[in-house]
Amino acid sequence: MNDLDCRRFVELVTAFLESALAPEQEQEFVDHLARCDGCDRYLDQIRQTTQALDGLPGEALSPEIRATLLDAFRHRPR
């Protein structure tokens, strides 16, 4: 089993919250969570944000705004 690093942990948070990880991958995620306080706080922040946004109305974005947002995410520095 490989040790999961923090960068990979962040990439897997959504899949974890949606129960979409394979069992071995989920165990690596949970093991990392148990020993990394920073990722523990990050996961808690994502959960809080998701809960806060859950009650907002799902208004559709205009095609122009959607394209602008998607372009910004595609070209963000890594």
N, C-alpha and C. Protein backbone atom coordinates (compact mmCIF):
# COMPACT_ATOMS: atom_id res chain seq x y z
N MET A 1 0.84 -1.18 0.00
CA MET A 1 0.00 0.00 0.00
C MET A 1 0.89 1.24 0.00
N ASN A 2 0.58 2.19 -0.85
CA ASN A 2 1.36 3.43 -0.94
C ASN A 2 0.84 4.45 0.06
N ASP A 3 1.77 5.27 0.57
CA ASP A 3 1.35 6.36 1.44
C ASP A 3 0.76 7.46 0.58
N LEU A 4 -0.38 7.94 0.97
CA LEU A 4 -1.06 9.01 0.27
C LEU A 4 -0.47 10.34 0.73
N ASP A 5 -0.10 11.22 -0.21
CA ASP A 5 0.41 12.53 0.19
C ASP A 5 -0.75 13.54 0.23
N CYS A 6 -0.49 14.71 0.77
CA CYS A 6 -1.54 15.72 0.96
C CYS A 6 -2.13 16.19 -0.37
N ARG A 7 -1.31 16.33 -1.38
CA ARG A 7 -1.81 16.78 -2.68
C ARG A 7 -2.82 15.78 -3.24
N ARG A 8 -2.49 14.51 -3.19
CA ARG A 8 -3.40 13.47 -3.68
C ARG A 8 -4.65 13.39 -2.81
N PHE A 9 -4.49 13.60 -1.50
CA PHE A 9 -5.62 13.63 -0.58
C PHE A 9 -6.64 14.67 -1.03
N VAL A 10 -6.17 15.88 -1.32
CA VAL A 10 -7.05 16.97 -1.75
C VAL A 10 -7.78 16.59 -3.04
N GLU A 11 -7.08 15.92 -3.96
CA GLU A 11 -7.70 15.51 -5.21
C GLU A 11 -8.82 14.48 -5.00
N LEU A 12 -8.74 13.72 -3.91
CA LEU A 12 -9.70 12.64 -3.66
C LEU A 12 -10.85 13.02 -2.73
N VAL A 13 -10.83 14.22 -2.18
CA VAL A 13 -11.84 14.60 -1.19
C VAL A 13 -13.26 14.45 -1.72
N THR A 14 -13.54 14.95 -2.91
CA THR A 14 -14.90 14.87 -3.45
C THR A 14 -15.33 13.42 -3.61
N ALA A 15 -14.47 12.60 -4.17
CA ALA A 15 -14.81 11.18 -4.34
C ALA A 15 -15.06 10.52 -2.98
N PHE A 16 -14.26 10.89 -1.98
CA PHE A 16 -14.46 10.33 -0.64
C PHE A 16 -15.82 10.73 -0.09
N LEU A 17 -16.16 12.00 -0.19
CA LEU A 17 -17.44 12.48 0.34
C LEU A 17 -18.63 11.89 -0.41
N GLU A 18 -18.43 11.49 -1.65
CA GLU A 18 -19.50 10.87 -2.44
C GLU A 18 -19.45 9.35 -2.36
N SER A 19 -18.59 8.81 -1.48
CA SER A 19 -18.43 7.35 -1.31
C SER A 19 -18.11 6.67 -2.63
N ALA A 20 -17.23 7.30 -3.41
CA ALA A 20 -16.90 6.79 -4.73
C ALA A 20 -15.48 6.24 -4.85
N LEU A 21 -14.79 6.08 -3.73
CA LEU A 21 -13.43 5.52 -3.77
C LEU A 21 -13.49 4.01 -3.68
N ALA A 22 -12.54 3.36 -4.34
CA ALA A 22 -12.38 1.92 -4.18
C ALA A 22 -11.98 1.64 -2.73
N PRO A 23 -12.31 0.47 -2.20
CA PRO A 23 -12.02 0.18 -0.78
C PRO A 23 -10.57 0.42 -0.37
N GLU A 24 -9.61 -0.01 -1.19
CA GLU A 24 -8.20 0.20 -0.84
C GLU A 24 -7.85 1.69 -0.83
N GLN A 25 -8.35 2.43 -1.80
CA GLN A 25 -8.09 3.86 -1.89
C GLN A 25 -8.74 4.59 -0.71
N GLU A 26 -9.95 4.17 -0.34
CA GLU A 26 -10.62 4.78 0.81
C GLU A 26 -9.82 4.53 2.09
N GLN A 27 -9.26 3.33 2.24
CA GLN A 27 -8.46 3.03 3.43
C GLN A 27 -7.21 3.90 3.48
N GLU A 28 -6.55 4.10 2.34
CA GLU A 28 -5.39 4.99 2.29
C GLU A 28 -5.78 6.40 2.68
N PHE A 29 -6.95 6.85 2.20
CA PHE A 29 -7.46 8.18 2.51
C PHE A 29 -7.68 8.32 4.02
N VAL A 30 -8.36 7.35 4.61
CA VAL A 30 -8.66 7.37 6.04
C VAL A 30 -7.37 7.29 6.86
N ASP A 31 -6.43 6.47 6.43
CA ASP A 31 -5.15 6.37 7.14
C ASP A 31 -4.42 7.71 7.13
N HIS A 32 -4.41 8.37 5.98
CA HIS A 32 -3.76 9.69 5.88
C HIS A 32 -4.47 10.68 6.80
N LEU A 33 -5.77 10.66 6.77
CA LEU A 33 -6.58 11.56 7.58
C LEU A 33 -6.26 11.41 9.07
N ALA A 34 -6.02 10.19 9.49
CA ALA A 34 -5.73 9.92 10.90
C ALA A 34 -4.40 10.50 11.37
N ARG A 35 -3.47 10.72 10.43
CA ARG A 35 -2.16 11.21 10.87
C ARG A 35 -1.81 12.61 10.37
N CYS A 36 -2.74 13.27 9.68
CA CYS A 36 -2.43 14.60 9.13
C CYS A 36 -3.47 15.62 9.59
N ASP A 37 -3.08 16.45 10.55
CA ASP A 37 -4.01 17.46 11.08
C ASP A 37 -4.44 18.47 10.02
N GLY A 38 -3.56 18.82 9.12
CA GLY A 38 -3.90 19.80 8.08
C GLY A 38 -4.99 19.26 7.16
N CYS A 39 -4.88 18.02 6.76
CA CYS A 39 -5.89 17.43 5.88
C CYS A 39 -7.19 17.20 6.62
N ASP A 40 -7.10 16.90 7.91
CA ASP A 40 -8.29 16.77 8.74
C ASP A 40 -9.07 18.08 8.74
N ARG A 41 -8.37 19.19 8.92
CA ARG A 41 -9.02 20.51 8.91
C ARG A 41 -9.57 20.83 7.51
N TYR A 42 -8.82 20.48 6.48
CA TYR A 42 -9.27 20.73 5.10
C TYR A 42 -10.58 19.98 4.82
N LEU A 43 -10.63 18.72 5.18
CA LEU A 43 -11.85 17.94 4.96
C LEU A 43 -13.02 18.55 5.72
N ASP A 44 -12.79 18.99 6.94
CA ASP A 44 -13.85 19.63 7.72
C ASP A 44 -14.32 20.92 7.04
N GLN A 45 -13.41 21.71 6.50
CA GLN A 45 -13.78 22.94 5.79
C GLN A 45 -14.62 22.63 4.55
N ILE A 46 -14.26 21.60 3.82
CA ILE A 46 -15.02 21.21 2.63
C ILE A 46 -16.41 20.75 3.03
N ARG A 47 -16.51 19.98 4.09
CA ARG A 47 -17.83 19.54 4.57
C ARG A 47 -18.69 20.74 4.98
N GLN A 48 -18.12 21.68 5.71
CA GLN A 48 -18.86 22.87 6.13
C GLN A 48 -19.29 23.70 4.93
N THR A 49 -18.42 23.86 3.97
CA THR A 49 -18.75 24.64 2.77
C THR A 49 -19.88 23.96 1.99
N THR A 50 -19.78 22.66 1.84
CA THR A 50 -20.82 21.90 1.13
C THR A 50 -22.17 22.05 1.82
N GLN A 51 -22.18 21.94 3.14
CA GLN A 51 -23.43 22.09 3.89
C GLN A 51 -23.99 23.49 3.76
N ALA A 52 -23.12 24.50 3.80
CA ALA A 52 -23.58 25.89 3.70
C ALA A 52 -24.16 26.18 2.32
N LEU A 53 -23.57 25.61 1.29
CA LEU A 53 -24.03 25.86 -0.07
C LEU A 53 -25.21 25.00 -0.48
N ASP A 54 -25.44 23.94 0.26
CA ASP A 54 -26.49 22.99 -0.09
C ASP A 54 -27.88 23.63 -0.14
N GLY A 55 -28.12 24.63 0.68
CA GLY A 55 -29.44 25.24 0.73
C GLY A 55 -29.65 26.35 -0.29
N LEU A 56 -28.63 26.71 -1.03
CA LEU A 56 -28.76 27.79 -2.00
C LEU A 56 -29.53 27.32 -3.23
N PRO A 57 -30.28 28.21 -3.84
CA PRO A 57 -31.01 27.82 -5.05
C PRO A 57 -30.04 27.51 -6.18
N GLY A 58 -30.41 26.58 -7.01
CA GLY A 58 -29.55 26.16 -8.11
C GLY A 58 -29.86 26.91 -9.38
N GLU A 59 -29.58 28.19 -9.38
CA GLU A 59 -29.82 29.00 -10.57
C GLU A 59 -28.78 28.67 -11.64
N ALA A 60 -29.23 28.62 -12.85
CA ALA A 60 -28.33 28.30 -13.96
C ALA A 60 -27.46 29.51 -14.32
N LEU A 61 -26.22 29.23 -14.66
CA LEU A 61 -25.32 30.27 -15.14
C LEU A 61 -25.57 30.52 -16.62
N SER A 62 -25.34 31.73 -17.03
CA SER A 62 -25.43 32.01 -18.47
C SER A 62 -24.30 31.26 -19.15
N PRO A 63 -24.45 30.92 -20.41
CA PRO A 63 -23.37 30.21 -21.13
C PRO A 63 -22.05 30.98 -21.11
N GLU A 64 -22.11 32.32 -21.16
CA GLU A 64 -20.88 33.12 -21.16
C GLU A 64 -20.16 33.02 -19.82
N ILE A 65 -20.91 33.14 -18.73
CA ILE A 65 -20.30 33.06 -17.39
C ILE A 65 -19.74 31.66 -17.16
N ARG A 66 -20.50 30.66 -17.54
CA ARG A 66 -20.04 29.27 -17.38
C ARG A 66 -18.73 29.06 -18.15
N ALA A 67 -18.66 29.51 -19.38
CA ALA A 67 -17.45 29.36 -20.19
C ALA A 67 -16.27 30.09 -19.56
N THR A 68 -16.52 31.28 -19.02
CA THR A 68 -15.46 32.05 -18.37
C THR A 68 -14.92 31.32 -17.15
N LEU A 69 -15.82 30.78 -16.32
CA LEU A 69 -15.41 30.05 -15.12
C LEU A 69 -14.62 28.79 -15.48
N LEU A 70 -15.14 28.02 -16.43
CA LEU A 70 -14.44 26.81 -16.83
C LEU A 70 -13.06 27.12 -17.39
N ASP A 71 -12.95 28.19 -18.17
CA ASP A 71 -11.66 28.60 -18.73
C ASP A 71 -10.69 28.98 -17.61
N ALA A 72 -11.20 29.69 -16.61
CA ALA A 72 -10.34 30.10 -15.49
C ALA A 72 -9.81 28.87 -14.74
N PHE A 73 -10.64 27.87 -14.53
CA PHE A 73 -10.19 26.67 -13.83
C PHE A 73 -9.22 25.86 -14.68
N ARG A 74 -9.44 25.80 -15.96
CA ARG A 74 -8.56 25.04 -16.85
C ARG A 74 -7.17 25.66 -16.92
N HIS A 75 -7.08 26.96 -16.80
CA HIS A 75 -5.81 27.66 -16.97
C HIS A 75 -5.21 28.20 -15.67
N ARG A 76 -5.68 27.70 -14.54
CA ARG A 76 -5.14 28.17 -13.26
C ARG A 76 -3.76 27.59 -13.05
N PRO A 77 -2.90 28.34 -12.38
CA PRO A 77 -1.57 27.82 -12.08
C PRO A 77 -1.66 26.67 -11.09
N ARG A 78 -0.79 25.71 -11.25
CA ARG A 78 -0.78 24.56 -10.34
C ARG A 78 0.43 24.57 -9.48
